[in-house]
Every structure is written in structure tokens, then in C-alpha cells.
């Protein structure tokens, strides 16, 4: 039974790692793509890319912070085995 629990913990860890990567990367990529579209569509300058990068970074960090707080809350609510 112990190896099944160990495998579940490994899978949970991998899902958390994937979630963290997506939570940080997705806002940055989406903001940069939107900025590039705005540049091509309306002819705006390079300031749009810089603004989008900053906005994406801040959004990614806020998302990461919220995810880590959720994981911490789940970990503190989970009963611990003292083996």
C-alpha cells in the first residue's frame, strides 16, 4: 500500500509543478502576443511590448502567489502521519 501512496505523492508533485509553470508562463506569453498584435494592428511603438511584459510578469507572480497560498493551506489542513 505504501508504494501506491508514494506514486500518488509523485503524481501530485508533478501536477503542482506543471501548474506552477503554466501559472507563470501563460500570462507572460499571452500579454506579449497581445502586445505584438496591437503593434501590428495599430502601429504602436515598442512601449507596448515593455508594458505587456511588465503586466505579464506581475500577473504571473500574483497567480504564483495565490497558487502557493492554496497549496500551503491544503498542506496545513491535511492530517499528518507521525510514522
PDB file of N, CA and C in Angstrom:
ATOM      1  N   UNK A   1       0.819  -1.192   0.000  1.00  0.00           N
ATOM      2  CA  UNK A   1       0.000   0.000   0.000  1.00  0.00           C
ATOM      3  C   UNK A   1       0.866   1.259   0.000  1.00  0.00           C
ATOM      4  N   UNK A   2       2.081   1.142   0.568  1.00  0.00           N
ATOM      5  CA  UNK A   2       2.955   2.297   0.653  1.00  0.00           C
ATOM      6  C   UNK A   2       3.430   2.797  -0.696  1.00  0.00           C
ATOM      7  N   UNK A   3       3.677   1.876  -1.641  1.00  0.00           N
ATOM      8  CA  UNK A   3       4.162   2.316  -2.955  1.00  0.00           C
ATOM      9  C   UNK A   3       3.076   3.042  -3.731  1.00  0.00           C
ATOM     10  N   UNK A   4       1.816   2.660  -3.502  1.00  0.00           N
ATOM     11  CA  UNK A   4       0.717   3.356  -4.168  1.00  0.00           C
ATOM     12  C   UNK A   4       0.600   4.790  -3.648  1.00  0.00           C
ATOM     13  N   UNK A   5       0.741   4.970  -2.331  1.00  0.00           N
ATOM     14  CA  UNK A   5       0.717   6.315  -1.763  1.00  0.00           C
ATOM     15  C   UNK A   5       1.907   7.137  -2.242  1.00  0.00           C
ATOM     16  N   UNK A   6       3.062   6.487  -2.364  1.00  0.00           N
ATOM     17  CA  UNK A   6       4.247   7.178  -2.871  1.00  0.00           C
ATOM     18  C   UNK A   6       4.057   7.636  -4.310  1.00  0.00           C
ATOM     19  N   UNK A   7       3.443   6.785  -5.119  1.00  0.00           N
ATOM     20  CA  UNK A   7       3.182   7.146  -6.513  1.00  0.00           C
ATOM     21  C   UNK A   7       2.179   8.291  -6.598  1.00  0.00           C
ATOM     22  N   UNK A   8       1.172   8.266  -5.725  1.00  0.00           N
ATOM     23  CA  UNK A   8       0.202   9.367  -5.705  1.00  0.00           C
ATOM     24  C   UNK A   8       0.870  10.684  -5.325  1.00  0.00           C
ATOM     25  N   UNK A   9       1.795  10.644  -4.373  1.00  0.00           N
ATOM     26  CA  UNK A   9       2.515  11.851  -3.981  1.00  0.00           C
ATOM     27  C   UNK A   9       3.388  12.367  -5.123  1.00  0.00           C
ATOM     28  N   UNK A  10       4.015  11.461  -5.863  1.00  0.00           N
ATOM     29  CA  UNK A  10       4.827  11.867  -7.008  1.00  0.00           C
ATOM     30  C   UNK A  10       3.953  12.518  -8.078  1.00  0.00           C
ATOM     31  N   UNK A  11       2.811  11.914  -8.358  1.00  0.00           N
ATOM     32  CA  UNK A  11       1.898  12.479  -9.361  1.00  0.00           C
ATOM     33  C   UNK A  11       1.364  13.840  -8.909  1.00  0.00           C
ATOM     34  N   UNK A  12       1.062  13.968  -7.620  1.00  0.00           N
ATOM     35  CA  UNK A  12       0.595  15.248  -7.088  1.00  0.00           C
ATOM     36  C   UNK A  12       1.683  16.309  -7.243  1.00  0.00           C
ATOM     37  N   UNK A  13       2.922  15.930  -6.935  1.00  0.00           N
ATOM     38  CA  UNK A  13       4.039  16.864  -7.083  1.00  0.00           C
ATOM     39  C   UNK A  13       4.240  17.295  -8.525  1.00  0.00           C
ATOM     40  N   UNK A  14       4.115  16.347  -9.461  1.00  0.00           N
ATOM     41  CA  UNK A  14       4.245  16.693 -10.881  1.00  0.00           C
ATOM     42  C   UNK A  14       3.119  17.615 -11.340  1.00  0.00           C
ATOM     43  N   UNK A  15       1.920  17.370 -10.842  1.00  0.00           N
ATOM     44  CA  UNK A  15       0.803  18.245 -11.234  1.00  0.00           C
ATOM     45  C   UNK A  15       0.992  19.644 -10.663  1.00  0.00           C
ATOM     46  N   UNK A  16       1.521  19.744  -9.444  1.00  0.00           N
ATOM     47  CA  UNK A  16       1.802  21.066  -8.869  1.00  0.00           C
ATOM     48  C   UNK A  16       2.883  21.786  -9.678  1.00  0.00           C
ATOM     49  N   UNK A  17       3.918  21.060 -10.066  1.00  0.00           N
ATOM     50  CA  UNK A  17       4.997  21.655 -10.854  1.00  0.00           C
ATOM     51  C   UNK A  17       4.483  22.160 -12.198  1.00  0.00           C
ATOM     52  N   UNK A  18       3.640  21.367 -12.837  1.00  0.00           N
ATOM     53  CA  UNK A  18       3.048  21.776 -14.113  1.00  0.00           C
ATOM     54  C   UNK A  18       2.172  23.003 -13.930  1.00  0.00           C
ATOM     55  N   UNK A  19       1.381  23.019 -12.867  1.00  0.00           N
ATOM     56  CA  UNK A  19       0.506  24.155 -12.597  1.00  0.00           C
ATOM     57  C   UNK A  19       1.307  25.431 -12.364  1.00  0.00           C
ATOM     58  N   UNK A  20       2.399  25.321 -11.633  1.00  0.00           N
ATOM     59  CA  UNK A  20       3.241  26.497 -11.379  1.00  0.00           C
ATOM     60  C   UNK A  20       3.811  27.024 -12.686  1.00  0.00           C
ATOM     61  N   UNK A  21       4.304  26.128 -13.535  1.00  0.00           N
ATOM     62  CA  UNK A  21       4.857  26.556 -14.821  1.00  0.00           C
ATOM     63  C   UNK A  21       3.828  27.253 -15.689  1.00  0.00           C
ATOM     64  N   UNK A  22       2.638  26.688 -15.750  1.00  0.00           N
ATOM     65  CA  UNK A  22       1.575  27.301 -16.555  1.00  0.00           C
ATOM     66  C   UNK A  22       1.097  28.612 -15.943  1.00  0.00           C
ATOM     67  N   UNK A  23       1.031  28.668 -14.623  1.00  0.00           N
ATOM     68  CA  UNK A  23       0.561  29.882 -13.947  1.00  0.00           C
ATOM     69  C   UNK A  23       1.494  31.063 -14.176  1.00  0.00           C
ATOM     70  N   UNK A  24       2.764  30.782 -14.320  1.00  0.00           N
ATOM     71  CA  UNK A  24       3.734  31.861 -14.517  1.00  0.00           C
ATOM     72  C   UNK A  24       3.919  32.177 -16.004  1.00  0.00           C
ATOM     73  N   UNK A  25       4.005  31.157 -16.837  1.00  0.00           N
ATOM     74  CA  UNK A  25       4.331  31.369 -18.254  1.00  0.00           C
ATOM     75  C   UNK A  25       3.152  31.879 -19.075  1.00  0.00           C
ATOM     76  N   UNK A  26       1.961  31.383 -18.815  1.00  0.00           N
ATOM     77  CA  UNK A  26       0.804  31.730 -19.652  1.00  0.00           C
ATOM     78  C   UNK A  26       0.497  33.230 -19.674  1.00  0.00           C
ATOM     79  N   UNK A  27       0.434  33.923 -18.532  1.00  0.00           N
ATOM     80  CA  UNK A  27       0.144  35.362 -18.602  1.00  0.00           C
ATOM     81  C   UNK A  27       1.208  36.150 -19.365  1.00  0.00           C
ATOM     82  N   UNK A  28       2.461  35.770 -19.199  1.00  0.00           N
ATOM     83  CA  UNK A  28       3.538  36.483 -19.893  1.00  0.00           C
ATOM     84  C   UNK A  28       3.411  36.298 -21.398  1.00  0.00           C
ATOM     85  N   UNK A  29       3.231  35.061 -21.826  1.00  0.00           N
ATOM     86  CA  UNK A  29       3.124  34.773 -23.257  1.00  0.00           C
ATOM     87  C   UNK A  29       1.893  35.435 -23.862  1.00  0.00           C
ATOM     88  N   UNK A  30       0.765  35.342 -23.173  1.00  0.00           N
ATOM     89  CA  UNK A  30      -0.467  35.946 -23.700  1.00  0.00           C
ATOM     90  C   UNK A  30      -0.361  37.469 -23.798  1.00  0.00           C
ATOM     91  N   UNK A  31       0.250  38.087 -22.804  1.00  0.00           N
ATOM     92  CA  UNK A  31       0.409  39.546 -22.853  1.00  0.00           C
ATOM     93  C   UNK A  31       1.347  39.969 -23.977  1.00  0.00           C
ATOM     94  N   UNK A  32       2.415  39.217 -24.174  1.00  0.00           N
ATOM     95  CA  UNK A  32       3.339  39.554 -25.263  1.00  0.00           C
ATOM     96  C   UNK A  32       2.703  39.345 -26.636  1.00  0.00           C
ATOM     97  N   UNK A  33       1.923  38.294 -26.777  1.00  0.00           N
ATOM     98  CA  UNK A  33       1.210  38.082 -28.047  1.00  0.00           C
ATOM     99  C   UNK A  33       0.192  39.194 -28.309  1.00  0.00           C
ATOM    100  N   UNK A  34      -0.509  39.600 -27.264  1.00  0.00           N
ATOM    101  CA  UNK A  34      -1.473  40.694 -27.414  1.00  0.00           C
ATOM    102  C   UNK A  34      -0.759  42.001 -27.775  1.00  0.00           C
ATOM    103  N   UNK A  35       0.401  42.239 -27.159  1.00  0.00           N
ATOM    104  CA  UNK A  35       1.160  43.450 -27.470  1.00  0.00           C
ATOM    105  C   UNK A  35       1.649  43.432 -28.910  1.00  0.00           C
ATOM    106  N   UNK A  36       2.102  42.282 -29.359  1.00  0.00           N
ATOM    107  CA  UNK A  36       2.564  42.169 -30.748  1.00  0.00           C
ATOM    108  C   UNK A  36       1.419  42.422 -31.720  1.00  0.00           C
ATOM    109  N   UNK A  37       0.233  41.900 -31.383  1.00  0.00           N
ATOM    110  CA  UNK A  37      -0.940  42.129 -32.218  1.00  0.00           C
ATOM    111  C   UNK A  37      -1.286  43.624 -32.251  1.00  0.00           C
ATOM    112  N   UNK A  38      -1.237  44.282 -31.098  1.00  0.00           N
ATOM    113  CA  UNK A  38      -1.523  45.717 -31.046  1.00  0.00           C
ATOM    114  C   UNK A  38      -0.513  46.513 -31.872  1.00  0.00           C
ATOM    115  N   UNK A  39       0.738  46.103 -31.831  1.00  0.00           N
ATOM    116  CA  UNK A  39       1.755  46.778 -32.641  1.00  0.00           C
ATOM    117  C   UNK A  39       1.451  46.626 -34.128  1.00  0.00           C
ATOM    118  N   UNK A  40       1.116  45.429 -34.546  1.00  0.00           N
ATOM    119  CA  UNK A  40       0.844  45.191 -35.962  1.00  0.00           C
ATOM    120  C   UNK A  40      -0.467  45.837 -36.405  1.00  0.00           C
ATOM    121  N   UNK A  41      -1.464  45.794 -35.560  1.00  0.00           N
ATOM    122  CA  UNK A  41      -2.798  46.292 -35.923  1.00  0.00           C
ATOM    123  C   UNK A  41      -2.858  47.816 -35.939  1.00  0.00           C
ATOM    124  N   UNK A  42      -2.309  48.449 -34.892  1.00  0.00           N
ATOM    125  CA  UNK A  42      -2.439  49.896 -34.747  1.00  0.00           C
ATOM    126  C   UNK A  42      -1.136  50.663 -34.929  1.00  0.00           C
ATOM    127  N   UNK A  43      -0.038  49.957 -35.131  1.00  0.00           N
ATOM    128  CA  UNK A  43       1.231  50.615 -35.358  1.00  0.00           C
ATOM    129  C   UNK A  43       1.812  51.278 -34.123  1.00  0.00           C
ATOM    130  N   UNK A  44       1.486  50.752 -32.952  1.00  0.00           N
ATOM    131  CA  UNK A  44       2.017  51.327 -31.727  1.00  0.00           C
ATOM    132  C   UNK A  44       3.483  50.974 -31.573  1.00  0.00           C
ATOM    133  N   UNK A  45       4.177  51.732 -30.761  1.00  0.00           N
ATOM    134  CA  UNK A  45       5.624  51.568 -30.613  1.00  0.00           C
ATOM    135  C   UNK A  45       6.035  50.427 -29.710  1.00  0.00           C
ATOM    136  N   UNK A  46       7.329  50.424 -29.403  1.00  0.00           N
ATOM    137  CA  UNK A  46       7.914  49.365 -28.573  1.00  0.00           C
ATOM    138  C   UNK A  46       7.462  49.428 -27.119  1.00  0.00           C
ATOM    139  N   UNK A  47       6.941  50.559 -26.712  1.00  0.00           N
ATOM    140  CA  UNK A  47       6.497  50.696 -25.335  1.00  0.00           C
ATOM    141  C   UNK A  47       5.386  49.695 -25.000  1.00  0.00           C
ATOM    142  N   UNK A  48       4.647  49.261 -26.003  1.00  0.00           N
ATOM    143  CA  UNK A  48       3.571  48.290 -25.771  1.00  0.00           C
ATOM    144  C   UNK A  48       4.153  46.957 -25.308  1.00  0.00           C
ATOM    145  N   UNK A  49       5.251  46.521 -25.922  1.00  0.00           N
ATOM    146  CA  UNK A  49       5.885  45.266 -25.517  1.00  0.00           C
ATOM    147  C   UNK A  49       6.419  45.340 -24.087  1.00  0.00           C
ATOM    148  N   UNK A  50       7.034  46.457 -23.752  1.00  0.00           N
ATOM    149  CA  UNK A  50       7.575  46.616 -22.402  1.00  0.00           C
ATOM    150  C   UNK A  50       6.451  46.621 -21.373  1.00  0.00           C
ATOM    151  N   UNK A  51       5.392  47.346 -21.669  1.00  0.00           N
ATOM    152  CA  UNK A  51       4.235  47.392 -20.771  1.00  0.00           C
ATOM    153  C   UNK A  51       3.598  46.013 -20.630  1.00  0.00           C
ATOM    154  N   UNK A  52       3.455  45.315 -21.737  1.00  0.00           N
ATOM    155  CA  UNK A  52       2.859  43.976 -21.704  1.00  0.00           C
ATOM    156  C   UNK A  52       3.743  43.004 -20.926  1.00  0.00           C
ATOM    157  N   UNK A  53       5.050  43.108 -21.090  1.00  0.00           N
ATOM    158  CA  UNK A  53       5.962  42.241 -20.351  1.00  0.00           C
ATOM    159  C   UNK A  53       5.831  42.476 -18.850  1.00  0.00           C
ATOM    160  N   UNK A  54       5.803  43.728 -18.448  1.00  0.00           N
ATOM    161  CA  UNK A  54       5.644  44.038 -17.023  1.00  0.00           C
ATOM    162  C   UNK A  54       4.299  43.550 -16.497  1.00  0.00           C
ATOM    163  N   UNK A  55       3.246  43.786 -17.252  1.00  0.00           N
ATOM    164  CA  UNK A  55       1.920  43.340 -16.845  1.00  0.00           C
ATOM    165  C   UNK A  55       1.863  41.814 -16.757  1.00  0.00           C
ATOM    166  N   UNK A  56       2.467  41.132 -17.717  1.00  0.00           N
ATOM    167  CA  UNK A  56       2.501  39.672 -17.699  1.00  0.00           C
ATOM    168  C   UNK A  56       3.295  39.126 -16.530  1.00  0.00           C
ATOM    169  N   UNK A  57       4.431  39.743 -16.235  1.00  0.00           N
ATOM    170  CA  UNK A  57       5.237  39.312 -15.091  1.00  0.00           C
ATOM    171  C   UNK A  57       4.482  39.488 -13.778  1.00  0.00           C
ATOM    172  N   UNK A  58       3.859  40.629 -13.624  1.00  0.00           N
ATOM    173  CA  UNK A  58       3.094  40.880 -12.397  1.00  0.00           C
ATOM    174  C   UNK A  58       1.934  39.902 -12.285  1.00  0.00           C
ATOM    175  N   UNK A  59       1.230  39.675 -13.384  1.00  0.00           N
ATOM    176  CA  UNK A  59       0.115  38.723 -13.369  1.00  0.00           C
ATOM    177  C   UNK A  59       0.593  37.314 -13.045  1.00  0.00           C
ATOM    178  N   UNK A  60       1.706  36.913 -13.621  1.00  0.00           N
ATOM    179  CA  UNK A  60       2.257  35.596 -13.345  1.00  0.00           C
ATOM    180  C   UNK A  60       2.677  35.433 -11.896  1.00  0.00           C
ATOM    181  N   UNK A  61       3.286  36.468 -11.331  1.00  0.00           N
ATOM    182  CA  UNK A  61       3.709  36.397  -9.935  1.00  0.00           C
ATOM    183  C   UNK A  61       2.521  36.373  -8.983  1.00  0.00           C
ATOM    184  N   UNK A  62       1.486  37.144  -9.290  1.00  0.00           N
ATOM    185  CA  UNK A  62       0.274  37.117  -8.458  1.00  0.00           C
ATOM    186  C   UNK A  62      -0.376  35.741  -8.529  1.00  0.00           C
ATOM    187  N   UNK A  63      -0.445  35.177  -9.718  1.00  0.00           N
ATOM    188  CA  UNK A  63      -1.005  33.844  -9.878  1.00  0.00           C
ATOM    189  C   UNK A  63      -0.183  32.810  -9.115  1.00  0.00           C
ATOM    190  N   UNK A  64       1.128  32.913  -9.197  1.00  0.00           N
ATOM    191  CA  UNK A  64       2.009  32.008  -8.461  1.00  0.00           C
ATOM    192  C   UNK A  64       1.793  32.148  -6.961  1.00  0.00           C
ATOM    193  N   UNK A  65       1.692  33.370  -6.478  1.00  0.00           N
ATOM    194  CA  UNK A  65       1.481  33.628  -5.048  1.00  0.00           C
ATOM    195  C   UNK A  65       0.167  32.995  -4.574  1.00  0.00           C
ATOM    196  N   UNK A  66      -0.906  33.185  -5.337  1.00  0.00           N
ATOM    197  CA  UNK A  66      -2.195  32.605  -4.963  1.00  0.00           C
ATOM    198  C   UNK A  66      -2.141  31.088  -4.967  1.00  0.00           C
ATOM    199  N   UNK A  67      -1.461  30.506  -5.948  1.00  0.00           N
ATOM    200  CA  UNK A  67      -1.335  29.050  -6.013  1.00  0.00           C
ATOM    201  C   UNK A  67      -0.547  28.526  -4.825  1.00  0.00           C
ATOM    202  N   UNK A  68       0.546  29.180  -4.482  1.00  0.00           N
ATOM    203  CA  UNK A  68       1.350  28.740  -3.346  1.00  0.00           C
ATOM    204  C   UNK A  68       0.584  28.866  -2.034  1.00  0.00           C
ATOM    205  N   UNK A  69      -0.219  29.899  -1.885  1.00  0.00           N
ATOM    206  CA  UNK A  69      -1.044  30.047  -0.683  1.00  0.00           C
ATOM    207  C   UNK A  69      -2.083  28.926  -0.604  1.00  0.00           C
ATOM    208  N   UNK A  70      -2.651  28.530  -1.735  1.00  0.00           N
ATOM    209  CA  UNK A  70      -3.611  27.434  -1.769  1.00  0.00           C
ATOM    210  C   UNK A  70      -2.943  26.119  -1.385  1.00  0.00           C
ATOM    211  N   UNK A  71      -1.751  25.866  -1.913  1.00  0.00           N
ATOM    212  CA  UNK A  71      -1.015  24.644  -1.587  1.00  0.00           C
ATOM    213  C   UNK A  71      -0.651  24.629  -0.110  1.00  0.00           C
ATOM    214  N   UNK A  72      -0.230  25.770   0.418  1.00  0.00           N
ATOM    215  CA  UNK A  72       0.127  25.852   1.827  1.00  0.00           C
ATOM    216  C   UNK A  72      -1.094  25.595   2.709  1.00  0.00           C
ATOM    217  N   UNK A  73      -2.240  26.128   2.321  1.00  0.00           N
ATOM    218  CA  UNK A  73      -3.463  25.916   3.086  1.00  0.00           C
ATOM    219  C   UNK A  73      -3.862  24.446   3.061  1.00  0.00           C
ATOM    220  N   UNK A  74      -3.758  23.810   1.885  1.00  0.00           N
ATOM    221  CA  UNK A  74      -4.073  22.383   1.781  1.00  0.00           C
ATOM    222  C   UNK A  74      -3.123  21.558   2.642  1.00  0.00           C
ATOM    223  N   UNK A  75      -1.859  21.929   2.661  1.00  0.00           N
ATOM    224  CA  UNK A  75      -0.878  21.181   3.436  1.00  0.00           C
ATOM    225  C   UNK A  75      -1.131  21.335   4.944  1.00  0.00           C
ATOM    226  N   UNK A  76      -1.562  22.497   5.364  1.00  0.00           N
ATOM    227  CA  UNK A  76      -1.824  22.694   6.794  1.00  0.00           C
ATOM    228  C   UNK A  76      -3.137  22.039   7.224  1.00  0.00           C
ATOM    229  N   UNK A  77      -4.086  21.877   6.306  1.00  0.00           N
ATOM    230  CA  UNK A  77      -5.350  21.218   6.630  1.00  0.00           C
ATOM    231  C   UNK A  77      -5.228  19.708   6.638  1.00  0.00           C
ATOM    232  N   UNK A  78      -4.234  19.186   5.938  1.00  0.00           N
ATOM    233  CA  UNK A  78      -4.057  17.742   5.794  1.00  0.00           C
ATOM    234  C   UNK A  78      -3.526  17.132   7.088  1.00  0.00           C
ATOM    235  N   UNK A  79      -4.165  16.071   7.593  1.00  0.00           N
ATOM    236  CA  UNK A  79      -3.643  15.441   8.809  1.00  0.00           C
ATOM    237  C   UNK A  79      -2.303  14.767   8.519  1.00  0.00           C
ATOM    238  N   UNK A  80      -1.380  14.849   9.449  1.00  0.00           N
ATOM    239  CA  UNK A  80      -0.038  14.308   9.262  1.00  0.00           C
ATOM    240  C   UNK A  80       0.086  12.936   9.918  1.00  0.00           C
ATOM    241  N   UNK A  81       0.809  12.042   9.233  1.00  0.00           N
ATOM    242  CA  UNK A  81       1.147  10.737   9.797  1.00  0.00           C
ATOM    243  C   UNK A  81       2.474  10.862  10.506  1.00  0.00           C
ATOM    244  N   UNK A  82       2.539  10.459  11.744  1.00  0.00           N
ATOM    245  CA  UNK A  82       3.788  10.532  12.515  1.00  0.00           C
ATOM    246  C   UNK A  82       4.421   9.149  12.591  1.00  0.00           C
ATOM    247  N   UNK A  83       4.864   8.640  11.458  1.00  0.00           N
ATOM    248  CA  UNK A  83       5.486   7.314  11.419  1.00  0.00           C
ATOM    249  C   UNK A  83       6.991   7.445  11.430  1.00  0.00           C
TER     250      UNK A  83
END
